């Protein structure tokens, strides 16, 4: 067990801060783009669909970023490089 812990310390940990900031910026960019294109709608139903679409797109980006971070941690656990 002690030998495997030493092997993992050779590979750097995946960054948390930059991945979180990037994910937040991507979520804001996707939502703002959808809202800017759809907010001039006068019909309340269309407005609700646009807001719901922006929310769903933000959730998709969030889970996509989370999937990337999990893949990096799996690579780290296997001792492979995590930086692309």
N, C-alpha and C. Protein backbone atom coordinates (compact mmCIF):
# COMPACT_ATOMS: atom_id res chain seq x y z
N UNK A 1 0.81 -1.20 0.00
CA UNK A 1 0.00 0.00 0.00
C UNK A 1 0.85 1.26 0.00
N UNK A 2 1.93 1.24 0.75
CA UNK A 2 2.77 2.44 0.81
C UNK A 2 3.41 2.72 -0.53
N UNK A 3 3.73 1.67 -1.29
CA UNK A 3 4.34 1.86 -2.61
C UNK A 3 3.37 2.50 -3.59
N UNK A 4 2.10 2.09 -3.53
CA UNK A 4 1.13 2.66 -4.47
C UNK A 4 0.84 4.12 -4.13
N UNK A 5 0.91 4.50 -2.86
CA UNK A 5 0.70 5.90 -2.49
C UNK A 5 1.82 6.78 -3.01
N UNK A 6 3.03 6.24 -3.03
CA UNK A 6 4.15 7.01 -3.55
C UNK A 6 4.05 7.20 -5.05
N UNK A 7 3.49 6.20 -5.75
CA UNK A 7 3.32 6.32 -7.19
C UNK A 7 2.31 7.39 -7.55
N UNK A 8 1.25 7.51 -6.77
CA UNK A 8 0.23 8.51 -7.06
C UNK A 8 0.72 9.92 -6.81
N UNK A 9 1.67 10.09 -5.90
CA UNK A 9 2.14 11.44 -5.61
C UNK A 9 3.00 11.99 -6.75
N UNK A 10 3.50 11.11 -7.65
CA UNK A 10 4.28 11.58 -8.78
C UNK A 10 3.41 12.28 -9.82
N UNK A 11 2.16 11.90 -9.90
CA UNK A 11 1.24 12.50 -10.87
C UNK A 11 0.52 13.66 -10.18
N UNK A 12 0.53 14.85 -10.79
CA UNK A 12 -0.15 15.99 -10.14
C UNK A 12 -1.66 15.80 -10.10
N UNK A 13 -2.26 16.35 -9.06
CA UNK A 13 -3.71 16.30 -8.92
C UNK A 13 -4.37 17.17 -9.98
N UNK A 14 -5.56 16.79 -10.43
CA UNK A 14 -6.30 17.66 -11.35
C UNK A 14 -6.69 18.96 -10.63
N UNK A 15 -6.61 20.08 -11.32
CA UNK A 15 -6.93 21.36 -10.66
C UNK A 15 -8.43 21.50 -10.40
N UNK A 16 -8.76 22.04 -9.24
CA UNK A 16 -10.15 22.29 -8.90
C UNK A 16 -10.59 23.70 -9.27
N UNK A 17 -9.77 24.67 -8.92
CA UNK A 17 -10.16 26.07 -9.06
C UNK A 17 -10.37 26.44 -10.52
N UNK A 18 -9.41 26.14 -11.36
CA UNK A 18 -9.54 26.52 -12.77
C UNK A 18 -10.66 25.76 -13.46
N UNK A 19 -10.86 24.50 -13.09
CA UNK A 19 -11.96 23.73 -13.68
C UNK A 19 -13.31 24.30 -13.25
N UNK A 20 -13.43 24.72 -12.01
CA UNK A 20 -14.67 25.31 -11.52
C UNK A 20 -14.96 26.66 -12.16
N UNK A 21 -13.93 27.48 -12.30
CA UNK A 21 -14.11 28.79 -12.94
C UNK A 21 -14.48 28.62 -14.40
N UNK A 22 -13.81 27.69 -15.08
CA UNK A 22 -14.13 27.44 -16.48
C UNK A 22 -15.56 26.95 -16.64
N UNK A 23 -15.99 26.05 -15.77
CA UNK A 23 -17.35 25.52 -15.83
C UNK A 23 -18.38 26.64 -15.61
N UNK A 24 -18.12 27.48 -14.62
CA UNK A 24 -19.04 28.58 -14.34
C UNK A 24 -19.12 29.55 -15.53
N UNK A 25 -17.98 29.86 -16.13
CA UNK A 25 -17.99 30.76 -17.28
C UNK A 25 -18.72 30.14 -18.48
N UNK A 26 -18.53 28.85 -18.69
CA UNK A 26 -19.24 28.18 -19.79
C UNK A 26 -20.74 28.17 -19.54
N UNK A 27 -21.14 27.93 -18.28
CA UNK A 27 -22.57 27.94 -17.96
C UNK A 27 -23.18 29.32 -18.19
N UNK A 28 -22.49 30.36 -17.76
CA UNK A 28 -22.99 31.72 -17.94
C UNK A 28 -23.05 32.08 -19.42
N UNK A 29 -22.04 31.68 -20.17
CA UNK A 29 -22.02 31.98 -21.60
C UNK A 29 -23.16 31.30 -22.33
N UNK A 30 -23.41 30.03 -22.03
CA UNK A 30 -24.49 29.31 -22.70
C UNK A 30 -25.84 29.91 -22.33
N UNK A 31 -26.06 30.16 -21.06
CA UNK A 31 -27.35 30.70 -20.63
C UNK A 31 -27.58 32.11 -21.17
N UNK A 32 -26.55 32.94 -21.15
CA UNK A 32 -26.73 34.30 -21.64
C UNK A 32 -26.95 34.33 -23.14
N UNK A 33 -26.31 33.44 -23.88
CA UNK A 33 -26.53 33.38 -25.32
C UNK A 33 -27.96 32.97 -25.64
N UNK A 34 -28.46 31.96 -24.94
CA UNK A 34 -29.84 31.52 -25.17
C UNK A 34 -30.83 32.61 -24.75
N UNK A 35 -30.58 33.24 -23.62
CA UNK A 35 -31.49 34.28 -23.15
C UNK A 35 -31.46 35.52 -24.04
N UNK A 36 -30.29 35.88 -24.54
CA UNK A 36 -30.22 37.04 -25.43
C UNK A 36 -30.96 36.80 -26.74
N UNK A 37 -30.92 35.58 -27.24
CA UNK A 37 -31.62 35.28 -28.47
C UNK A 37 -33.12 35.13 -28.27
N UNK A 38 -33.56 34.69 -27.10
CA UNK A 38 -34.96 34.39 -26.91
C UNK A 38 -35.76 35.34 -26.06
N UNK A 39 -35.11 36.27 -25.36
CA UNK A 39 -35.85 37.14 -24.46
C UNK A 39 -36.70 38.21 -25.11
N UNK A 40 -36.47 38.59 -26.34
CA UNK A 40 -37.41 39.57 -26.93
C UNK A 40 -38.81 39.01 -27.18
N UNK A 41 -39.08 37.78 -26.78
CA UNK A 41 -40.39 37.17 -27.01
C UNK A 41 -41.45 37.87 -26.16
N UNK A 42 -42.59 38.11 -26.78
CA UNK A 42 -43.70 38.77 -26.09
C UNK A 42 -44.66 37.76 -25.46
N UNK A 43 -44.71 36.58 -26.02
CA UNK A 43 -45.62 35.55 -25.53
C UNK A 43 -45.04 34.93 -24.26
N UNK A 44 -45.83 34.85 -23.18
CA UNK A 44 -45.32 34.27 -21.93
C UNK A 44 -44.92 32.81 -22.04
N UNK A 45 -45.59 32.05 -22.91
CA UNK A 45 -45.24 30.64 -23.07
C UNK A 45 -43.88 30.51 -23.75
N UNK A 46 -43.64 31.31 -24.75
CA UNK A 46 -42.34 31.28 -25.43
C UNK A 46 -41.24 31.74 -24.47
N UNK A 47 -41.54 32.73 -23.67
CA UNK A 47 -40.57 33.21 -22.67
C UNK A 47 -40.24 32.11 -21.67
N UNK A 48 -41.25 31.37 -21.23
CA UNK A 48 -41.02 30.28 -20.28
C UNK A 48 -40.18 29.17 -20.93
N UNK A 49 -40.43 28.88 -22.19
CA UNK A 49 -39.65 27.86 -22.89
C UNK A 49 -38.20 28.29 -23.04
N UNK A 50 -37.97 29.57 -23.32
CA UNK A 50 -36.61 30.08 -23.46
C UNK A 50 -35.86 29.99 -22.13
N UNK A 51 -36.50 30.38 -21.05
CA UNK A 51 -35.85 30.32 -19.74
C UNK A 51 -35.60 28.86 -19.35
N UNK A 52 -36.54 27.98 -19.62
CA UNK A 52 -36.36 26.57 -19.33
C UNK A 52 -35.23 25.98 -20.17
N UNK A 53 -35.13 26.37 -21.43
CA UNK A 53 -34.06 25.90 -22.30
C UNK A 53 -32.70 26.37 -21.79
N UNK A 54 -32.62 27.61 -21.31
CA UNK A 54 -31.37 28.12 -20.74
C UNK A 54 -30.98 27.34 -19.49
N UNK A 55 -31.95 27.04 -18.65
CA UNK A 55 -31.68 26.28 -17.44
C UNK A 55 -31.20 24.87 -17.76
N UNK A 56 -31.85 24.21 -18.71
CA UNK A 56 -31.46 22.85 -19.10
C UNK A 56 -30.07 22.87 -19.71
N UNK A 57 -29.76 23.86 -20.52
CA UNK A 57 -28.43 23.96 -21.12
C UNK A 57 -27.36 24.16 -20.05
N UNK A 58 -27.65 24.94 -19.02
CA UNK A 58 -26.70 25.12 -17.93
C UNK A 58 -26.45 23.81 -17.19
N UNK A 59 -27.49 23.03 -16.97
CA UNK A 59 -27.34 21.75 -16.29
C UNK A 59 -26.53 20.78 -17.15
N UNK A 60 -26.75 20.79 -18.45
CA UNK A 60 -25.98 19.93 -19.35
C UNK A 60 -24.50 20.29 -19.31
N UNK A 61 -24.19 21.58 -19.33
CA UNK A 61 -22.80 22.01 -19.26
C UNK A 61 -22.19 21.63 -17.91
N UNK A 62 -22.95 21.76 -16.84
CA UNK A 62 -22.46 21.40 -15.52
C UNK A 62 -22.09 19.92 -15.46
N UNK A 63 -22.96 19.05 -15.94
CA UNK A 63 -22.66 17.62 -15.89
C UNK A 63 -21.55 17.24 -16.87
N UNK A 64 -21.43 17.96 -17.98
CA UNK A 64 -20.33 17.71 -18.91
C UNK A 64 -18.99 18.06 -18.23
N UNK A 65 -18.94 19.18 -17.54
CA UNK A 65 -17.72 19.57 -16.82
C UNK A 65 -17.42 18.59 -15.69
N UNK A 66 -18.45 18.15 -15.00
CA UNK A 66 -18.26 17.17 -13.93
C UNK A 66 -17.72 15.86 -14.47
N UNK A 67 -18.21 15.44 -15.64
CA UNK A 67 -17.72 14.22 -16.27
C UNK A 67 -16.23 14.35 -16.63
N UNK A 68 -15.83 15.50 -17.15
CA UNK A 68 -14.42 15.72 -17.47
C UNK A 68 -13.56 15.65 -16.22
N UNK A 69 -14.03 16.25 -15.13
CA UNK A 69 -13.25 16.25 -13.89
C UNK A 69 -13.14 14.84 -13.33
N UNK A 70 -14.22 14.06 -13.42
CA UNK A 70 -14.16 12.67 -12.94
C UNK A 70 -13.18 11.86 -13.79
N UNK A 71 -13.17 12.08 -15.09
CA UNK A 71 -12.21 11.37 -15.95
C UNK A 71 -10.78 11.71 -15.57
N UNK A 72 -10.53 12.96 -15.23
CA UNK A 72 -9.17 13.34 -14.82
C UNK A 72 -8.78 12.69 -13.50
N UNK A 73 -9.74 12.58 -12.58
CA UNK A 73 -9.43 11.91 -11.31
C UNK A 73 -9.23 10.42 -11.50
N UNK A 74 -9.94 9.81 -12.44
CA UNK A 74 -9.72 8.39 -12.72
C UNK A 74 -8.33 8.19 -13.32
N UNK A 75 -7.93 9.08 -14.22
CA UNK A 75 -6.58 9.00 -14.78
C UNK A 75 -5.54 9.20 -13.68
N UNK A 76 -5.80 10.11 -12.76
CA UNK A 76 -4.88 10.34 -11.64
C UNK A 76 -4.76 9.09 -10.78
N UNK A 77 -5.88 8.43 -10.53
CA UNK A 77 -5.85 7.22 -9.70
C UNK A 77 -5.10 6.08 -10.38
N UNK A 78 -5.11 6.07 -11.69
CA UNK A 78 -4.38 5.04 -12.43
C UNK A 78 -2.91 5.40 -12.64
N UNK A 79 -2.54 6.62 -12.27
CA UNK A 79 -1.15 7.06 -12.41
C UNK A 79 -0.82 7.63 -13.78
N UNK A 80 -1.83 7.98 -14.55
CA UNK A 80 -1.61 8.56 -15.87
C UNK A 80 -1.61 10.09 -15.76
N UNK A 81 -0.98 10.77 -16.71
CA UNK A 81 -1.00 12.25 -16.67
C UNK A 81 -2.41 12.78 -16.83
N UNK A 82 -2.73 13.83 -16.07
CA UNK A 82 -4.08 14.39 -16.09
C UNK A 82 -4.17 15.68 -16.89
N UNK A 83 -3.06 16.29 -17.22
CA UNK A 83 -3.06 17.55 -17.96
C UNK A 83 -2.95 17.21 -19.44
N UNK A 84 -3.83 17.80 -20.23
CA UNK A 84 -3.83 17.51 -21.67
C UNK A 84 -2.88 18.41 -22.40
